[in-house]
Amino acid sequence: MEKKIKVRLAEGQIVEGVLVEEEVVSKKKTIIYNRFDNSVIYESDKETIKEAVEEAVSKSANLGYANLESANLGYANLESANLGYANLESANLEYANLKNANLGYANLEYANLGYAKTEFCIVQFSKLEIEQAKQFVKGLEL
């Protein structure tokens, strides 16, 4: 968008010109927060939480204590990820690669672990996570 402007200088001079407004383009940031204190664990320019988590894992970022509640991580490559104590309640981890991942003490209540690859994965299940435990065991066979 352009605007014509006139600037009056000292001694009656007038300078005419065109003011071009700068368009400010802001990129969306995806931020992964700590589930307990809301501090930033990881920040990414990726559009989706799945892409941001995969990027963090590829860079060996520590995602322990991450709040990933209801995250869609289906088919994600999370091999060797540190998700200890993470909140994965209601997260979709269907077909995710969790090989060698640390899910120790993570909240997996209502998470979908269907067909997830769970070989050599560290995990503890609570009494409320029986269905997730069954899905996890099936993943050992993949």
C-alpha atoms as a PDB file:
ATOM      1  CA  MET A   1       0.000   0.000   0.000  1.00  0.00           C
ATOM      2  CA  GLU A   2       1.370   3.405  -0.945  1.00  0.00           C
ATOM      3  CA  LYS A   3       0.563   6.800   0.493  1.00  0.00           C
ATOM      4  CA  LYS A   4       1.589  10.142  -0.993  1.00  0.00           C
ATOM      5  CA  ILE A   5       3.114  12.447   1.542  1.00  0.00           C
ATOM      6  CA  LYS A   6       4.295  16.025   1.719  1.00  0.00           C
ATOM      7  CA  VAL A   7       6.925  17.042   4.194  1.00  0.00           C
ATOM      8  CA  ARG A   8       7.322  20.740   4.986  1.00  0.00           C
ATOM      9  CA  LEU A   9      10.921  21.623   5.786  1.00  0.00           C
ATOM     10  CA  ALA A  10      12.397  24.812   7.176  1.00  0.00           C
ATOM     11  CA  GLU A  11      12.174  27.920   5.024  1.00  0.00           C
ATOM     12  CA  GLY A  12       9.006  26.774   3.243  1.00  0.00           C
ATOM     13  CA  GLN A  13      10.473  23.897   1.250  1.00  0.00           C
ATOM     14  CA  ILE A  14       8.129  21.075   0.505  1.00  0.00           C
ATOM     15  CA  VAL A  15       9.341  17.626  -0.376  1.00  0.00           C
ATOM     16  CA  GLU A  16       6.881  15.259  -1.988  1.00  0.00           C
ATOM     17  CA  GLY A  17       7.268  11.530  -2.025  1.00  0.00           C
ATOM     18  CA  VAL A  18       5.644   8.206  -1.708  1.00  0.00           C
ATOM     19  CA  LEU A  19       5.538   6.310   1.550  1.00  0.00           C
ATOM     20  CA  VAL A  20       5.586   2.584   1.100  1.00  0.00           C
ATOM     21  CA  GLU A  21       4.290   0.673   4.067  1.00  0.00           C
ATOM     22  CA  GLU A  22       6.386  -2.297   5.040  1.00  0.00           C
ATOM     23  CA  GLU A  23       4.511  -5.527   5.306  1.00  0.00           C
ATOM     24  CA  VAL A  24       5.434  -7.329   8.479  1.00  0.00           C
ATOM     25  CA  VAL A  25       5.384 -11.062   8.022  1.00  0.00           C
ATOM     26  CA  SER A  26       5.531 -13.061  11.192  1.00  0.00           C
ATOM     27  CA  LYS A  27       6.261 -16.747  11.118  1.00  0.00           C
ATOM     28  CA  LYS A  28       4.331 -19.085  13.321  1.00  0.00           C
ATOM     29  CA  LYS A  29       6.393 -20.660  16.075  1.00  0.00           C
ATOM     30  CA  THR A  30       5.565 -24.001  17.602  1.00  0.00           C
ATOM     31  CA  ILE A  31       6.555 -24.095  21.246  1.00  0.00           C
ATOM     32  CA  ILE A  32       6.773 -27.149  23.477  1.00  0.00           C
ATOM     33  CA  TYR A  33       6.228 -26.263  27.125  1.00  0.00           C
ATOM     34  CA  ASN A  34       7.152 -27.985  30.383  1.00  0.00           C
ATOM     35  CA  ARG A  35       4.066 -29.699  31.771  1.00  0.00           C
ATOM     36  CA  PHE A  36       4.658 -28.464  35.315  1.00  0.00           C
ATOM     37  CA  ASP A  37       6.054 -24.932  35.179  1.00  0.00           C
ATOM     38  CA  ASN A  38       5.159 -23.861  31.591  1.00  0.00           C
ATOM     39  CA  SER A  39       8.774 -22.993  30.799  1.00  0.00           C
ATOM     40  CA  VAL A  40       9.828 -23.368  27.154  1.00  0.00           C
ATOM     41  CA  ILE A  41      11.475 -26.714  26.444  1.00  0.00           C
ATOM     42  CA  TYR A  42      11.784 -26.380  22.666  1.00  0.00           C
ATOM     43  CA  GLU A  43      10.899 -23.766  20.062  1.00  0.00           C
ATOM     44  CA  SER A  44      10.576 -24.449  16.345  1.00  0.00           C
ATOM     45  CA  ASP A  45       9.576 -22.746  13.098  1.00  0.00           C
ATOM     46  CA  LYS A  46       7.740 -25.924  12.076  1.00  0.00           C
ATOM     47  CA  GLU A  47       4.007 -25.638  11.427  1.00  0.00           C
ATOM     48  CA  THR A  48       2.786 -28.673  13.382  1.00  0.00           C
ATOM     49  CA  ILE A  49       3.557 -30.130  16.784  1.00  0.00           C
ATOM     50  CA  LYS A  50       4.471 -33.426  15.107  1.00  0.00           C
ATOM     51  CA  GLU A  51       7.082 -31.736  12.918  1.00  0.00           C
ATOM     52  CA  ALA A  52       8.439 -29.762  15.877  1.00  0.00           C
ATOM     53  CA  VAL A  53       8.738 -32.884  18.031  1.00  0.00           C
ATOM     54  CA  GLU A  54      10.452 -34.819  15.237  1.00  0.00           C
ATOM     55  CA  GLU A  55      12.860 -31.915  14.723  1.00  0.00           C
ATOM     56  CA  ALA A  56      13.630 -31.806  18.449  1.00  0.00           C
ATOM     57  CA  VAL A  57      14.254 -35.557  18.516  1.00  0.00           C
ATOM     58  CA  SER A  58      16.522 -35.342  15.452  1.00  0.00           C
ATOM     59  CA  LYS A  59      18.576 -32.741  17.331  1.00  0.00           C
ATOM     60  CA  SER A  60      18.658 -34.913  20.478  1.00  0.00           C
ATOM     61  CA  ALA A  61      16.722 -32.293  22.433  1.00  0.00           C
ATOM     62  CA  ASN A  62      15.541 -33.351  25.872  1.00  0.00           C
ATOM     63  CA  LEU A  63      11.734 -33.485  25.790  1.00  0.00           C
ATOM     64  CA  GLY A  64      11.459 -34.781  29.326  1.00  0.00           C
ATOM     65  CA  TYR A  65       8.511 -33.176  31.139  1.00  0.00           C
ATOM     66  CA  ALA A  66       7.069 -31.924  27.818  1.00  0.00           C
ATOM     67  CA  ASN A  67       3.368 -31.125  27.692  1.00  0.00           C
ATOM     68  CA  LEU A  68       2.196 -33.015  24.603  1.00  0.00           C
ATOM     69  CA  GLU A  69      -1.358 -33.633  25.765  1.00  0.00           C
ATOM     70  CA  SER A  70      -3.638 -34.516  22.828  1.00  0.00           C
ATOM     71  CA  ALA A  71      -0.751 -34.104  20.362  1.00  0.00           C
ATOM     72  CA  ASN A  72      -1.150 -35.808  17.008  1.00  0.00           C
ATOM     73  CA  LEU A  73       2.112 -37.753  16.726  1.00  0.00           C
ATOM     74  CA  GLY A  74       0.798 -40.546  14.544  1.00  0.00           C
ATOM     75  CA  TYR A  75       3.519 -42.033  12.314  1.00  0.00           C
ATOM     76  CA  ALA A  76       6.127 -39.775  13.984  1.00  0.00           C
ATOM     77  CA  ASN A  77       9.747 -40.890  14.123  1.00  0.00           C
ATOM     78  CA  LEU A  78      10.537 -40.637  17.825  1.00  0.00           C
ATOM     79  CA  GLU A  79      13.345 -43.165  17.884  1.00  0.00           C
ATOM     80  CA  SER A  80      15.592 -42.617  20.923  1.00  0.00           C
ATOM     81  CA  ALA A  81      13.465 -39.677  22.123  1.00  0.00           C
ATOM     82  CA  ASN A  82      13.648 -38.657  25.775  1.00  0.00           C
ATOM     83  CA  LEU A  83      10.014 -38.233  26.790  1.00  0.00           C
ATOM     84  CA  GLY A  84      10.450 -39.205  30.417  1.00  0.00           C
ATOM     85  CA  TYR A  85       7.769 -37.664  32.646  1.00  0.00           C
ATOM     86  CA  ALA A  86       6.114 -36.105  29.558  1.00  0.00           C
ATOM     87  CA  ASN A  87       2.365 -35.547  29.481  1.00  0.00           C
ATOM     88  CA  LEU A  88       1.125 -37.630  26.536  1.00  0.00           C
ATOM     89  CA  GLU A  89      -2.429 -37.946  27.817  1.00  0.00           C
ATOM     90  CA  SER A  90      -4.817 -38.523  24.887  1.00  0.00           C
ATOM     91  CA  ALA A  91      -1.933 -38.187  22.416  1.00  0.00           C
ATOM     92  CA  ASN A  92      -2.095 -40.063  19.136  1.00  0.00           C
ATOM     93  CA  LEU A  93       1.057 -42.184  18.840  1.00  0.00           C
ATOM     94  CA  GLU A  94      -0.445 -44.650  16.379  1.00  0.00           C
ATOM     95  CA  TYR A  95       2.245 -46.190  14.146  1.00  0.00           C
ATOM     96  CA  ALA A  96       4.903 -43.980  15.790  1.00  0.00           C
ATOM     97  CA  ASN A  97       8.470 -45.240  15.951  1.00  0.00           C
ATOM     98  CA  LEU A  98       9.271 -45.316  19.679  1.00  0.00           C
ATOM     99  CA  LYS A  99      12.242 -47.670  19.392  1.00  0.00           C
ATOM    100  CA  ASN A 100      14.738 -46.952  22.194  1.00  0.00           C
ATOM    101  CA  ALA A 101      12.587 -44.056  23.429  1.00  0.00           C
ATOM    102  CA  ASN A 102      12.427 -43.146  27.112  1.00  0.00           C
ATOM    103  CA  LEU A 103       8.798 -42.898  28.219  1.00  0.00           C
ATOM    104  CA  GLY A 104       9.619 -43.532  31.858  1.00  0.00           C
ATOM    105  CA  TYR A 105       6.895 -42.143  34.122  1.00  0.00           C
ATOM    106  CA  ALA A 106       5.205 -40.401  31.172  1.00  0.00           C
ATOM    107  CA  ASN A 107       1.454 -39.897  31.443  1.00  0.00           C
ATOM    108  CA  LEU A 108       0.018 -42.161  28.722  1.00  0.00           C
ATOM    109  CA  GLU A 109      -3.564 -42.201  29.962  1.00  0.00           C
ATOM    110  CA  TYR A 110      -5.954 -42.436  26.974  1.00  0.00           C
ATOM    111  CA  ALA A 111      -3.009 -42.282  24.534  1.00  0.00           C
ATOM    112  CA  ASN A 112      -3.309 -44.260  21.315  1.00  0.00           C
ATOM    113  CA  LEU A 113      -0.259 -46.526  20.968  1.00  0.00           C
ATOM    114  CA  GLY A 114      -1.850 -48.732  18.327  1.00  0.00           C
ATOM    115  CA  TYR A 115       0.769 -50.320  16.060  1.00  0.00           C
ATOM    116  CA  ALA A 116       3.519 -48.122  17.540  1.00  0.00           C
ATOM    117  CA  LYS A 117       6.983 -49.637  17.299  1.00  0.00           C
ATOM    118  CA  THR A 118       8.036 -49.994  20.943  1.00  0.00           C
ATOM    119  CA  GLU A 119      11.126 -52.206  20.819  1.00  0.00           C
ATOM    120  CA  PHE A 120      13.663 -51.387  23.593  1.00  0.00           C
ATOM    121  CA  CYS A 121      11.416 -48.592  24.858  1.00  0.00           C
ATOM    122  CA  ILE A 122      11.513 -47.651  28.561  1.00  0.00           C
ATOM    123  CA  VAL A 123       8.063 -47.218  30.071  1.00  0.00           C
ATOM    124  CA  GLN A 124       6.043 -47.647  33.271  1.00  0.00           C
ATOM    125  CA  PHE A 125       2.263 -47.934  33.210  1.00  0.00           C
ATOM    126  CA  SER A 126      -0.167 -47.009  35.950  1.00  0.00           C
ATOM    127  CA  LYS A 127      -3.336 -48.968  36.728  1.00  0.00           C
ATOM    128  CA  LEU A 128      -5.260 -46.428  34.649  1.00  0.00           C
ATOM    129  CA  GLU A 129      -3.181 -47.190  31.549  1.00  0.00           C
ATOM    130  CA  ILE A 130      -4.072 -50.871  31.007  1.00  0.00           C
ATOM    131  CA  GLU A 131      -5.192 -50.353  27.391  1.00  0.00           C
ATOM    132  CA  GLN A 132      -1.998 -48.463  26.580  1.00  0.00           C
ATOM    133  CA  ALA A 133       0.049 -51.281  28.130  1.00  0.00           C
ATOM    134  CA  LYS A 134      -1.709 -53.803  25.879  1.00  0.00           C
ATOM    135  CA  GLN A 135      -1.016 -51.657  22.808  1.00  0.00           C
ATOM    136  CA  PHE A 136       2.603 -51.271  23.914  1.00  0.00           C
ATOM    137  CA  VAL A 137       3.068 -55.042  24.168  1.00  0.00           C
ATOM    138  CA  LYS A 138       1.610 -55.507  20.679  1.00  0.00           C
ATOM    139  CA  GLY A 139       4.130 -52.943  19.439  1.00  0.00           C
ATOM    140  CA  LEU A 140       6.956 -55.168  20.624  1.00  0.00           C
ATOM    141  CA  GLU A 141       5.933 -57.640  17.939  1.00  0.00           C
ATOM    142  CA  LEU A 142       6.259 -55.132  15.065  1.00  0.00           C
END
